[in-house]
């Protein structure tokens, strides 16, 4: 399945300016927050997690929270996404691909899941 999401970078920036680190803690784990150097990256991570939840057909909510999805970077800096073991098993996810881009005030992410 495929999921896609778009988010305003200013939305994430304003959230951070109002709530500080707690804004990031709402949707990121500590090791993910360490990867954030710019608001564009944070917005891309938000979009990636939203897209990932849509790719399993639930959206963020009761069945899938932001913290059920983890984002890392490869050695070359490419984003990588991993679902919790419970979600991978429940939705038969074999492999996941993630792409994030940002330009002109928005961040967009697309996620593709290969299902067993």
PDB file of N, CA and C in Angstrom:
ATOM      1  N   UNK A   1       0.834  -1.183   0.000  1.00  0.00           N
ATOM      2  CA  UNK A   1       0.000   0.000   0.000  1.00  0.00           C
ATOM      3  C   UNK A   1       0.879   1.248   0.000  1.00  0.00           C
ATOM      4  N   UNK A   2       0.291   2.344  -0.425  1.00  0.00           N
ATOM      5  CA  UNK A   2       1.004   3.616  -0.515  1.00  0.00           C
ATOM      6  C   UNK A   2       0.314   4.645   0.378  1.00  0.00           C
ATOM      7  N   UNK A   3       1.104   5.479   1.043  1.00  0.00           N
ATOM      8  CA  UNK A   3       0.583   6.600   1.814  1.00  0.00           C
ATOM      9  C   UNK A   3       1.372   7.845   1.468  1.00  0.00           C
ATOM     10  N   UNK A   4       0.706   8.989   1.497  1.00  0.00           N
ATOM     11  CA  UNK A   4       1.374  10.267   1.204  1.00  0.00           C
ATOM     12  C   UNK A   4       0.827  11.324   2.155  1.00  0.00           C
ATOM     13  N   UNK A   5       1.672  12.295   2.505  1.00  0.00           N
ATOM     14  CA  UNK A   5       1.222  13.383   3.368  1.00  0.00           C
ATOM     15  C   UNK A   5       2.014  14.643   3.040  1.00  0.00           C
ATOM     16  N   UNK A   6       1.386  15.771   3.306  1.00  0.00           N
ATOM     17  CA  UNK A   6       2.016  17.077   3.125  1.00  0.00           C
ATOM     18  C   UNK A   6       1.758  17.897   4.380  1.00  0.00           C
ATOM     19  N   UNK A   7       2.751  18.655   4.823  1.00  0.00           N
ATOM     20  CA  UNK A   7       2.597  19.485   6.020  1.00  0.00           C
ATOM     21  C   UNK A   7       3.331  20.811   5.816  1.00  0.00           C
ATOM     22  N   UNK A   8       2.757  21.849   6.365  1.00  0.00           N
ATOM     23  CA  UNK A   8       3.382  23.168   6.326  1.00  0.00           C
ATOM     24  C   UNK A   8       4.574  23.198   7.287  1.00  0.00           C
ATOM     25  N   UNK A   9       5.706  23.642   6.808  1.00  0.00           N
ATOM     26  CA  UNK A   9       6.891  23.760   7.666  1.00  0.00           C
ATOM     27  C   UNK A   9       6.633  24.784   8.770  1.00  0.00           C
ATOM     28  N   UNK A  10       5.919  25.861   8.447  1.00  0.00           N
ATOM     29  CA  UNK A  10       5.596  26.872   9.459  1.00  0.00           C
ATOM     30  C   UNK A  10       4.737  26.295  10.581  1.00  0.00           C
ATOM     31  N   UNK A  11       3.877  25.341  10.276  1.00  0.00           N
ATOM     32  CA  UNK A  11       3.052  24.701  11.309  1.00  0.00           C
ATOM     33  C   UNK A  11       3.946  24.048  12.369  1.00  0.00           C
ATOM     34  N   UNK A  12       4.958  23.314  11.911  1.00  0.00           N
ATOM     35  CA  UNK A  12       5.880  22.634  12.825  1.00  0.00           C
ATOM     36  C   UNK A  12       6.753  23.662  13.545  1.00  0.00           C
ATOM     37  N   UNK A  13       7.215  24.684  12.815  1.00  0.00           N
ATOM     38  CA  UNK A  13       8.036  25.740  13.421  1.00  0.00           C
ATOM     39  C   UNK A  13       7.267  26.452  14.526  1.00  0.00           C
ATOM     40  N   UNK A  14       6.014  26.825  14.255  1.00  0.00           N
ATOM     41  CA  UNK A  14       5.200  27.525  15.253  1.00  0.00           C
ATOM     42  C   UNK A  14       4.944  26.645  16.475  1.00  0.00           C
ATOM     43  N   UNK A  15       4.703  25.367  16.236  1.00  0.00           N
ATOM     44  CA  UNK A  15       4.484  24.421  17.320  1.00  0.00           C
ATOM     45  C   UNK A  15       5.738  24.355  18.215  1.00  0.00           C
ATOM     46  N   UNK A  16       6.908  24.298  17.572  1.00  0.00           N
ATOM     47  CA  UNK A  16       8.171  24.234  18.317  1.00  0.00           C
ATOM     48  C   UNK A  16       8.419  25.539  19.087  1.00  0.00           C
ATOM     49  N   UNK A  17       8.169  26.659  18.444  1.00  0.00           N
ATOM     50  CA  UNK A  17       8.398  27.946  19.108  1.00  0.00           C
ATOM     51  C   UNK A  17       7.478  28.131  20.307  1.00  0.00           C
ATOM     52  N   UNK A  18       6.293  27.556  20.254  1.00  0.00           N
ATOM     53  CA  UNK A  18       5.334  27.669  21.350  1.00  0.00           C
ATOM     54  C   UNK A  18       5.628  26.686  22.486  1.00  0.00           C
ATOM     55  N   UNK A  19       5.986  25.442  22.145  1.00  0.00           N
ATOM     56  CA  UNK A  19       6.112  24.385  23.148  1.00  0.00           C
ATOM     57  C   UNK A  19       7.530  23.842  23.341  1.00  0.00           C
ATOM     58  N   UNK A  20       8.481  24.279  22.507  1.00  0.00           N
ATOM     59  CA  UNK A  20       9.853  23.795  22.621  1.00  0.00           C
ATOM     60  C   UNK A  20       9.962  22.305  22.331  1.00  0.00           C
ATOM     61  N   UNK A  21      10.874  21.650  22.998  1.00  0.00           N
ATOM     62  CA  UNK A  21      11.151  20.225  22.764  1.00  0.00           C
ATOM     63  C   UNK A  21       9.895  19.353  22.915  1.00  0.00           C
ATOM     64  N   UNK A  22       8.990  19.739  23.802  1.00  0.00           N
ATOM     65  CA  UNK A  22       7.750  18.969  24.007  1.00  0.00           C
ATOM     66  C   UNK A  22       6.954  18.821  22.706  1.00  0.00           C
ATOM     67  N   UNK A  23       7.059  19.807  21.832  1.00  0.00           N
ATOM     68  CA  UNK A  23       6.376  19.720  20.539  1.00  0.00           C
ATOM     69  C   UNK A  23       6.916  18.542  19.740  1.00  0.00           C
ATOM     70  N   UNK A  24       8.233  18.392  19.734  1.00  0.00           N
ATOM     71  CA  UNK A  24       8.844  17.272  19.023  1.00  0.00           C
ATOM     72  C   UNK A  24       8.557  15.946  19.723  1.00  0.00           C
ATOM     73  N   UNK A  25       8.531  15.956  21.048  1.00  0.00           N
ATOM     74  CA  UNK A  25       8.278  14.721  21.799  1.00  0.00           C
ATOM     75  C   UNK A  25       6.888  14.162  21.529  1.00  0.00           C
ATOM     76  N   UNK A  26       5.994  15.003  21.067  1.00  0.00           N
ATOM     77  CA  UNK A  26       4.637  14.547  20.725  1.00  0.00           C
ATOM     78  C   UNK A  26       4.668  13.496  19.612  1.00  0.00           C
ATOM     79  N   UNK A  27       5.622  13.655  18.675  1.00  0.00           N
ATOM     80  CA  UNK A  27       5.627  12.741  17.537  1.00  0.00           C
ATOM     81  C   UNK A  27       6.972  12.062  17.271  1.00  0.00           C
ATOM     82  N   UNK A  28       7.998  12.394  18.052  1.00  0.00           N
ATOM     83  CA  UNK A  28       9.322  11.808  17.849  1.00  0.00           C
ATOM     84  C   UNK A  28       9.891  11.237  19.137  1.00  0.00           C
ATOM     85  N   UNK A  29      10.695  10.203  18.997  1.00  0.00           N
ATOM     86  CA  UNK A  29      11.446   9.656  20.130  1.00  0.00           C
ATOM     87  C   UNK A  29      12.766  10.419  20.221  1.00  0.00           C
ATOM     88  N   UNK A  30      13.451  10.280  21.368  1.00  0.00           N
ATOM     89  CA  UNK A  30      14.685  11.048  21.601  1.00  0.00           C
ATOM     90  C   UNK A  30      15.709  10.890  20.482  1.00  0.00           C
ATOM     91  N   UNK A  31      15.922   9.651  20.018  1.00  0.00           N
ATOM     92  CA  UNK A  31      16.923   9.434  18.971  1.00  0.00           C
ATOM     93  C   UNK A  31      16.524  10.078  17.638  1.00  0.00           C
ATOM     94  N   UNK A  32      15.217  10.256  17.423  1.00  0.00           N
ATOM     95  CA  UNK A  32      14.761  10.947  16.213  1.00  0.00           C
ATOM     96  C   UNK A  32      14.962  12.460  16.366  1.00  0.00           C
ATOM     97  N   UNK A  33      14.686  12.974  17.560  1.00  0.00           N
ATOM     98  CA  UNK A  33      14.859  14.404  17.818  1.00  0.00           C
ATOM     99  C   UNK A  33      16.315  14.809  17.606  1.00  0.00           C
ATOM    100  N   UNK A  34      17.236  13.937  17.943  1.00  0.00           N
ATOM    101  CA  UNK A  34      18.667  14.223  17.747  1.00  0.00           C
ATOM    102  C   UNK A  34      19.022  14.441  16.276  1.00  0.00           C
ATOM    103  N   UNK A  35      18.216  13.914  15.361  1.00  0.00           N
ATOM    104  CA  UNK A  35      18.466  14.069  13.928  1.00  0.00           C
ATOM    105  C   UNK A  35      17.978  15.417  13.385  1.00  0.00           C
ATOM    106  N   UNK A  36      17.178  16.130  14.182  1.00  0.00           N
ATOM    107  CA  UNK A  36      16.563  17.379  13.730  1.00  0.00           C
ATOM    108  C   UNK A  36      17.540  18.540  13.874  1.00  0.00           C
ATOM    109  N   UNK A  37      17.879  19.135  12.755  1.00  0.00           N
ATOM    110  CA  UNK A  37      18.740  20.326  12.750  1.00  0.00           C
ATOM    111  C   UNK A  37      17.994  21.545  12.197  1.00  0.00           C
ATOM    112  N   UNK A  38      16.924  21.261  11.436  1.00  0.00           N
ATOM    113  CA  UNK A  38      16.146  22.337  10.806  1.00  0.00           C
ATOM    114  C   UNK A  38      14.654  21.999  10.889  1.00  0.00           C
ATOM    115  N   UNK A  39      13.818  23.002  10.825  1.00  0.00           N
ATOM    116  CA  UNK A  39      12.369  22.775  10.879  1.00  0.00           C
ATOM    117  C   UNK A  39      11.882  21.961   9.681  1.00  0.00           C
ATOM    118  N   UNK A  40      12.566  22.086   8.555  1.00  0.00           N
ATOM    119  CA  UNK A  40      12.203  21.312   7.368  1.00  0.00           C
ATOM    120  C   UNK A  40      12.305  19.810   7.649  1.00  0.00           C
ATOM    121  N   UNK A  41      13.329  19.420   8.394  1.00  0.00           N
ATOM    122  CA  UNK A  41      13.514  18.009   8.730  1.00  0.00           C
ATOM    123  C   UNK A  41      12.395  17.529   9.646  1.00  0.00           C
ATOM    124  N   UNK A  42      12.078  18.328  10.659  1.00  0.00           N
ATOM    125  CA  UNK A  42      10.999  17.960  11.579  1.00  0.00           C
ATOM    126  C   UNK A  42       9.673  17.820  10.836  1.00  0.00           C
ATOM    127  N   UNK A  43       9.399  18.756   9.937  1.00  0.00           N
ATOM    128  CA  UNK A  43       8.162  18.689   9.160  1.00  0.00           C
ATOM    129  C   UNK A  43       8.159  17.444   8.264  1.00  0.00           C
ATOM    130  N   UNK A  44       9.307  17.126   7.697  1.00  0.00           N
ATOM    131  CA  UNK A  44       9.404  15.922   6.874  1.00  0.00           C
ATOM    132  C   UNK A  44       9.154  14.660   7.678  1.00  0.00           C
ATOM    133  N   UNK A  45       9.645  14.628   8.909  1.00  0.00           N
ATOM    134  CA  UNK A  45       9.420  13.469   9.780  1.00  0.00           C
ATOM    135  C   UNK A  45       7.934  13.347  10.137  1.00  0.00           C
ATOM    136  N   UNK A  46       7.288  14.483  10.408  1.00  0.00           N
ATOM    137  CA  UNK A  46       5.841  14.467  10.697  1.00  0.00           C
ATOM    138  C   UNK A  46       5.100  13.893   9.494  1.00  0.00           C
ATOM    139  N   UNK A  47       5.392  14.428   8.306  1.00  0.00           N
ATOM    140  CA  UNK A  47       4.729  13.957   7.085  1.00  0.00           C
ATOM    141  C   UNK A  47       5.006  12.474   6.853  1.00  0.00           C
ATOM    142  N   UNK A  48       6.225  12.029   7.143  1.00  0.00           N
ATOM    143  CA  UNK A  48       6.589  10.625   6.943  1.00  0.00           C
ATOM    144  C   UNK A  48       5.762   9.711   7.842  1.00  0.00           C
ATOM    145  N   UNK A  49       5.596  10.107   9.092  1.00  0.00           N
ATOM    146  CA  UNK A  49       4.828   9.266  10.009  1.00  0.00           C
ATOM    147  C   UNK A  49       3.341   9.263   9.636  1.00  0.00           C
ATOM    148  N   UNK A  50       2.831  10.399   9.218  1.00  0.00           N
ATOM    149  CA  UNK A  50       1.440  10.448   8.749  1.00  0.00           C
ATOM    150  C   UNK A  50       1.268   9.570   7.502  1.00  0.00           C
ATOM    151  N   UNK A  51       2.196   9.683   6.558  1.00  0.00           N
ATOM    152  CA  UNK A  51       2.125   8.875   5.336  1.00  0.00           C
ATOM    153  C   UNK A  51       2.227   7.386   5.660  1.00  0.00           C
ATOM    154  N   UNK A  52       3.100   7.040   6.610  1.00  0.00           N
ATOM    155  CA  UNK A  52       3.258   5.633   6.998  1.00  0.00           C
ATOM    156  C   UNK A  52       1.970   5.081   7.596  1.00  0.00           C
ATOM    157  N   UNK A  53       1.304   5.882   8.412  1.00  0.00           N
ATOM    158  CA  UNK A  53       0.046   5.424   9.010  1.00  0.00           C
ATOM    159  C   UNK A  53      -1.036   5.261   7.945  1.00  0.00           C
ATOM    160  N   UNK A  54      -1.019   6.116   6.954  1.00  0.00           N
ATOM    161  CA  UNK A  54      -1.982   5.998   5.851  1.00  0.00           C
ATOM    162  C   UNK A  54      -1.674   4.780   4.978  1.00  0.00           C
ATOM    163  N   UNK A  55      -0.397   4.435   4.866  1.00  0.00           N
ATOM    164  CA  UNK A  55       0.005   3.286   4.050  1.00  0.00           C
ATOM    165  C   UNK A  55      -0.450   1.955   4.661  1.00  0.00           C
ATOM    166  N   UNK A  56      -0.790   1.960   5.951  1.00  0.00           N
ATOM    167  CA  UNK A  56      -1.357   0.738   6.541  1.00  0.00           C
ATOM    168  C   UNK A  56      -2.882   0.843   6.635  1.00  0.00           C
ATOM    169  N   UNK A  57      -3.412   1.993   6.222  1.00  0.00           N
ATOM    170  CA  UNK A  57      -4.855   2.153   6.136  1.00  0.00           C
ATOM    171  C   UNK A  57      -5.540   2.630   7.399  1.00  0.00           C
ATOM    172  N   UNK A  58      -4.771   3.162   8.363  1.00  0.00           N
ATOM    173  CA  UNK A  58      -5.392   3.580   9.615  1.00  0.00           C
ATOM    174  C   UNK A  58      -5.323   5.076   9.864  1.00  0.00           C
ATOM    175  N   UNK A  59      -4.251   5.707   9.456  1.00  0.00           N
ATOM    176  CA  UNK A  59      -3.984   7.074   9.878  1.00  0.00           C
ATOM    177  C   UNK A  59      -3.482   7.039  11.312  1.00  0.00           C
ATOM    178  N   UNK A  60      -3.010   8.188  11.796  1.00  0.00           N
ATOM    179  CA  UNK A  60      -2.560   8.276  13.181  1.00  0.00           C
ATOM    180  C   UNK A  60      -3.794   8.275  14.076  1.00  0.00           C
ATOM    181  N   UNK A  61      -3.772   7.426  15.076  1.00  0.00           N
ATOM    182  CA  UNK A  61      -4.922   7.344  15.980  1.00  0.00           C
ATOM    183  C   UNK A  61      -4.803   6.158  16.905  1.00  0.00           C
ATOM    184  N   UNK A  62      -5.923   5.522  17.139  1.00  0.00           N
ATOM    185  CA  UNK A  62      -6.012   4.434  18.114  1.00  0.00           C
ATOM    186  C   UNK A  62      -5.140   3.231  17.756  1.00  0.00           C
ATOM    187  N   UNK A  63      -5.130   2.847  16.490  1.00  0.00           N
ATOM    188  CA  UNK A  63      -4.384   1.653  16.072  1.00  0.00           C
ATOM    189  C   UNK A  63      -2.907   1.911  15.801  1.00  0.00           C
ATOM    190  N   UNK A  64      -2.571   3.135  15.463  1.00  0.00           N
ATOM    191  CA  UNK A  64      -1.192   3.474  15.097  1.00  0.00           C
ATOM    192  C   UNK A  64      -0.874   4.874  15.610  1.00  0.00           C
ATOM    193  N   UNK A  65       0.074   4.944  16.544  1.00  0.00           N
ATOM    194  CA  UNK A  65       0.472   6.255  17.064  1.00  0.00           C
ATOM    195  C   UNK A  65       1.766   6.698  16.385  1.00  0.00           C
ATOM    196  N   UNK A  66       2.107   7.966  16.562  1.00  0.00           N
ATOM    197  CA  UNK A  66       3.372   8.471  16.032  1.00  0.00           C
ATOM    198  C   UNK A  66       4.552   7.643  16.543  1.00  0.00           C
ATOM    199  N   UNK A  67       4.450   7.164  17.775  1.00  0.00           N
ATOM    200  CA  UNK A  67       5.569   6.446  18.390  1.00  0.00           C
ATOM    201  C   UNK A  67       5.629   4.972  18.003  1.00  0.00           C
ATOM    202  N   UNK A  68       4.677   4.503  17.200  1.00  0.00           N
ATOM    203  CA  UNK A  68       4.740   3.149  16.628  1.00  0.00           C
ATOM    204  C   UNK A  68       5.588   3.127  15.365  1.00  0.00           C
ATOM    205  N   UNK A  69       6.018   4.295  14.937  1.00  0.00           N
ATOM    206  CA  UNK A  69       6.784   4.448  13.699  1.00  0.00           C
ATOM    207  C   UNK A  69       8.096   5.151  14.051  1.00  0.00           C
ATOM    208  N   UNK A  70       9.203   4.599  13.582  1.00  0.00           N
ATOM    209  CA  UNK A  70      10.518   5.169  13.889  1.00  0.00           C
ATOM    210  C   UNK A  70      11.224   5.561  12.596  1.00  0.00           C
ATOM    211  N   UNK A  71      11.862   6.724  12.622  1.00  0.00           N
ATOM    212  CA  UNK A  71      12.618   7.205  11.468  1.00  0.00           C
ATOM    213  C   UNK A  71      14.092   7.275  11.839  1.00  0.00           C
ATOM    214  N   UNK A  72      14.915   6.745  10.954  1.00  0.00           N
ATOM    215  CA  UNK A  72      16.372   6.805  11.082  1.00  0.00           C
ATOM    216  C   UNK A  72      16.922   7.373   9.788  1.00  0.00           C
ATOM    217  N   UNK A  73      18.225   7.522   9.740  1.00  0.00           N
ATOM    218  CA  UNK A  73      18.878   7.907   8.494  1.00  0.00           C
ATOM    219  C   UNK A  73      19.945   6.872   8.172  1.00  0.00           C
ATOM    220  N   UNK A  74      20.098   6.598   6.873  1.00  0.00           N
ATOM    221  CA  UNK A  74      21.135   5.670   6.434  1.00  0.00           C
ATOM    222  C   UNK A  74      22.495   6.355   6.566  1.00  0.00           C
ATOM    223  N   UNK A  75      23.550   5.614   6.315  1.00  0.00           N
ATOM    224  CA  UNK A  75      24.895   6.183   6.372  1.00  0.00           C
ATOM    225  C   UNK A  75      25.062   7.334   5.390  1.00  0.00           C
ATOM    226  N   UNK A  76      24.301   7.297   4.313  1.00  0.00           N
ATOM    227  CA  UNK A  76      24.366   8.363   3.307  1.00  0.00           C
ATOM    228  C   UNK A  76      23.370   9.489   3.573  1.00  0.00           C
ATOM    229  N   UNK A  77      22.594   9.364   4.668  1.00  0.00           N
ATOM    230  CA  UNK A  77      21.654  10.422   5.028  1.00  0.00           C
ATOM    231  C   UNK A  77      20.241  10.239   4.525  1.00  0.00           C
ATOM    232  N   UNK A  78      19.964   9.136   3.850  1.00  0.00           N
ATOM    233  CA  UNK A  78      18.612   8.886   3.351  1.00  0.00           C
ATOM    234  C   UNK A  78      17.701   8.477   4.508  1.00  0.00           C
ATOM    235  N   UNK A  79      16.456   8.935   4.499  1.00  0.00           N
ATOM    236  CA  UNK A  79      15.541   8.551   5.572  1.00  0.00           C
ATOM    237  C   UNK A  79      15.113   7.093   5.452  1.00  0.00           C
ATOM    238  N   UNK A  80      14.988   6.448   6.608  1.00  0.00           N
ATOM    239  CA  UNK A  80      14.520   5.066   6.675  1.00  0.00           C
ATOM    240  C   UNK A  80      13.405   5.011   7.701  1.00  0.00           C
ATOM    241  N   UNK A  81      12.423   4.157   7.454  1.00  0.00           N
ATOM    242  CA  UNK A  81      11.273   4.069   8.331  1.00  0.00           C
ATOM    243  C   UNK A  81      11.083   2.641   8.816  1.00  0.00           C
ATOM    244  N   UNK A  82      10.712   2.515  10.079  1.00  0.00           N
ATOM    245  CA  UNK A  82      10.454   1.198  10.632  1.00  0.00           C
ATOM    246  C   UNK A  82       9.215   1.253  11.516  1.00  0.00           C
ATOM    247  N   UNK A  83       8.306   0.311  11.286  1.00  0.00           N
ATOM    248  CA  UNK A  83       7.124   0.176  12.129  1.00  0.00           C
ATOM    249  C   UNK A  83       7.469  -0.667  13.351  1.00  0.00           C
ATOM    250  N   UNK A  84       6.673  -0.520  14.409  1.00  0.00           N
ATOM    251  CA  UNK A  84       6.834  -1.376  15.579  1.00  0.00           C
ATOM    252  C   UNK A  84       6.601  -2.832  15.153  1.00  0.00           C
ATOM    253  N   UNK A  85       7.156  -3.751  15.901  1.00  0.00           N
ATOM    254  CA  UNK A  85       7.013  -5.174  15.599  1.00  0.00           C
ATOM    255  C   UNK A  85       5.535  -5.572  15.549  1.00  0.00           C
ATOM    256  N   UNK A  86       4.749  -5.041  16.460  1.00  0.00           N
ATOM    257  CA  UNK A  86       3.317  -5.361  16.504  1.00  0.00           C
ATOM    258  C   UNK A  86       2.612  -4.934  15.219  1.00  0.00           C
ATOM    259  N   UNK A  87       2.916  -3.721  14.726  1.00  0.00           N
ATOM    260  CA  UNK A  87       2.283  -3.252  13.480  1.00  0.00           C
ATOM    261  C   UNK A  87       2.764  -4.055  12.276  1.00  0.00           C
ATOM    262  N   UNK A  88       4.067  -4.352  12.224  1.00  0.00           N
ATOM    263  CA  UNK A  88       4.590  -5.147  11.109  1.00  0.00           C
ATOM    264  C   UNK A  88       3.873  -6.488  11.034  1.00  0.00           C
ATOM    265  N   UNK A  89       3.671  -7.104  12.185  1.00  0.00           N
ATOM    266  CA  UNK A  89       3.016  -8.405  12.228  1.00  0.00           C
ATOM    267  C   UNK A  89       1.525  -8.281  11.876  1.00  0.00           C
ATOM    268  N   UNK A  90       0.839  -7.331  12.496  1.00  0.00           N
ATOM    269  CA  UNK A  90      -0.604  -7.165  12.279  1.00  0.00           C
ATOM    270  C   UNK A  90      -0.950  -6.877  10.821  1.00  0.00           C
ATOM    271  N   UNK A  91      -0.119  -6.060  10.158  1.00  0.00           N
ATOM    272  CA  UNK A  91      -0.405  -5.653   8.781  1.00  0.00           C
ATOM    273  C   UNK A  91       0.460  -6.381   7.747  1.00  0.00           C
ATOM    274  N   UNK A  92       1.184  -7.414   8.183  1.00  0.00           N
ATOM    275  CA  UNK A  92       1.992  -8.256   7.281  1.00  0.00           C
ATOM    276  C   UNK A  92       2.969  -7.452   6.426  1.00  0.00           C
ATOM    277  N   UNK A  93       3.636  -6.496   7.023  1.00  0.00           N
ATOM    278  CA  UNK A  93       4.559  -5.625   6.293  1.00  0.00           C
ATOM    279  C   UNK A  93       5.910  -6.310   6.176  1.00  0.00           C
ATOM    280  N   UNK A  94       6.329  -6.532   4.943  1.00  0.00           N
ATOM    281  CA  UNK A  94       7.618  -7.176   4.690  1.00  0.00           C
ATOM    282  C   UNK A  94       8.737  -6.143   4.524  1.00  0.00           C
ATOM    283  N   UNK A  95       8.448  -5.069   3.786  1.00  0.00           N
ATOM    284  CA  UNK A  95       9.457  -4.057   3.497  1.00  0.00           C
ATOM    285  C   UNK A  95       8.772  -2.708   3.338  1.00  0.00           C
ATOM    286  N   UNK A  96       9.486  -1.639   3.732  1.00  0.00           N
ATOM    287  CA  UNK A  96       8.948  -0.283   3.644  1.00  0.00           C
ATOM    288  C   UNK A  96       9.946   0.627   2.946  1.00  0.00           C
ATOM    289  N   UNK A  97       9.432   1.487   2.078  1.00  0.00           N
ATOM    290  CA  UNK A  97      10.251   2.502   1.410  1.00  0.00           C
ATOM    291  C   UNK A  97       9.690   3.881   1.746  1.00  0.00           C
ATOM    292  N   UNK A  98      10.593   4.842   1.954  1.00  0.00           N
ATOM    293  CA  UNK A  98      10.211   6.200   2.339  1.00  0.00           C
ATOM    294  C   UNK A  98      10.944   7.221   1.486  1.00  0.00           C
ATOM    295  N   UNK A  99      10.217   8.242   1.071  1.00  0.00           N
ATOM    296  CA  UNK A  99      10.826   9.382   0.394  1.00  0.00           C
ATOM    297  C   UNK A  99      10.262  10.651   1.020  1.00  0.00           C
ATOM    298  N   UNK A 100      11.147  11.599   1.328  1.00  0.00           N
ATOM    299  CA  UNK A 100      10.747  12.884   1.912  1.00  0.00           C
ATOM    300  C   UNK A 100      11.352  14.000   1.067  1.00  0.00           C
ATOM    301  N   UNK A 101      10.560  15.054   0.843  1.00  0.00           N
ATOM    302  CA  UNK A 101      11.076  16.234   0.161  1.00  0.00           C
ATOM    303  C   UNK A 101      10.452  17.472   0.789  1.00  0.00           C
ATOM    304  N   UNK A 102      11.118  18.604   0.645  1.00  0.00           N
ATOM    305  CA  UNK A 102      10.541  19.857   1.120  1.00  0.00           C
ATOM    306  C   UNK A 102      10.983  20.983   0.202  1.00  0.00           C
ATOM    307  N   UNK A 103      10.033  21.920  -0.005  1.00  0.00           N
ATOM    308  CA  UNK A 103      10.297  23.059  -0.870  1.00  0.00           C
ATOM    309  C   UNK A 103       9.180  24.079  -0.677  1.00  0.00           C
ATOM    310  N   UNK A 104       9.524  25.335  -0.755  1.00  0.00           N
ATOM    311  CA  UNK A 104       8.562  26.435  -0.721  1.00  0.00           C
ATOM    312  C   UNK A 104       7.559  26.328   0.421  1.00  0.00           C
ATOM    313  N   UNK A 105       8.060  25.993   1.606  1.00  0.00           N
ATOM    314  CA  UNK A 105       7.213  26.043   2.787  1.00  0.00           C
ATOM    315  C   UNK A 105       6.441  24.789   3.135  1.00  0.00           C
ATOM    316  N   UNK A 106       6.634  23.721   2.376  1.00  0.00           N
ATOM    317  CA  UNK A 106       5.943  22.467   2.692  1.00  0.00           C
ATOM    318  C   UNK A 106       6.917  21.291   2.684  1.00  0.00           C
ATOM    319  N   UNK A 107       6.550  20.258   3.425  1.00  0.00           N
ATOM    320  CA  UNK A 107       7.286  18.996   3.410  1.00  0.00           C
ATOM    321  C   UNK A 107       6.300  17.920   2.961  1.00  0.00           C
ATOM    322  N   UNK A 108       6.770  17.029   2.121  1.00  0.00           N
ATOM    323  CA  UNK A 108       5.940  15.951   1.588  1.00  0.00           C
ATOM    324  C   UNK A 108       6.671  14.633   1.797  1.00  0.00           C
ATOM    325  N   UNK A 109       5.911  13.608   2.163  1.00  0.00           N
ATOM    326  CA  UNK A 109       6.490  12.276   2.322  1.00  0.00           C
ATOM    327  C   UNK A 109       5.588  11.257   1.649  1.00  0.00           C
ATOM    328  N   UNK A 110       6.221  10.245   1.082  1.00  0.00           N
ATOM    329  CA  UNK A 110       5.495   9.125   0.487  1.00  0.00           C
ATOM    330  C   UNK A 110       6.094   7.834   1.063  1.00  0.00           C
ATOM    331  N   UNK A 111       5.215   6.894   1.395  1.00  0.00           N
ATOM    332  CA  UNK A 111       5.618   5.618   1.970  1.00  0.00           C
ATOM    333  C   UNK A 111       4.979   4.497   1.154  1.00  0.00           C
ATOM    334  N   UNK A 112       5.774   3.488   0.872  1.00  0.00           N
ATOM    335  CA  UNK A 112       5.276   2.288   0.190  1.00  0.00           C
ATOM    336  C   UNK A 112       5.593   1.081   1.057  1.00  0.00           C
ATOM    337  N   UNK A 113       4.589   0.268   1.302  1.00  0.00           N
ATOM    338  CA  UNK A 113       4.763  -0.974   2.062  1.00  0.00           C
ATOM    339  C   UNK A 113       4.576  -2.172   1.161  1.00  0.00           C
ATOM    340  N   UNK A 114       5.548  -3.070   1.197  1.00  0.00           N
ATOM    341  CA  UNK A 114       5.424  -4.360   0.522  1.00  0.00           C
ATOM    342  C   UNK A 114       4.793  -5.295   1.540  1.00  0.00           C
ATOM    343  N   UNK A 115       3.645  -5.838   1.198  1.00  0.00           N
ATOM    344  CA  UNK A 115       2.889  -6.702   2.090  1.00  0.00           C
ATOM    345  C   UNK A 115       3.160  -8.156   1.723  1.00  0.00           C
ATOM    346  N   UNK A 116       3.292  -9.001   2.746  1.00  0.00           N
ATOM    347  CA  UNK A 116       3.536 -10.424   2.527  1.00  0.00           C
ATOM    348  C   UNK A 116       2.386 -11.058   1.787  1.00  0.00           C
TER     349      UNK A 116
END
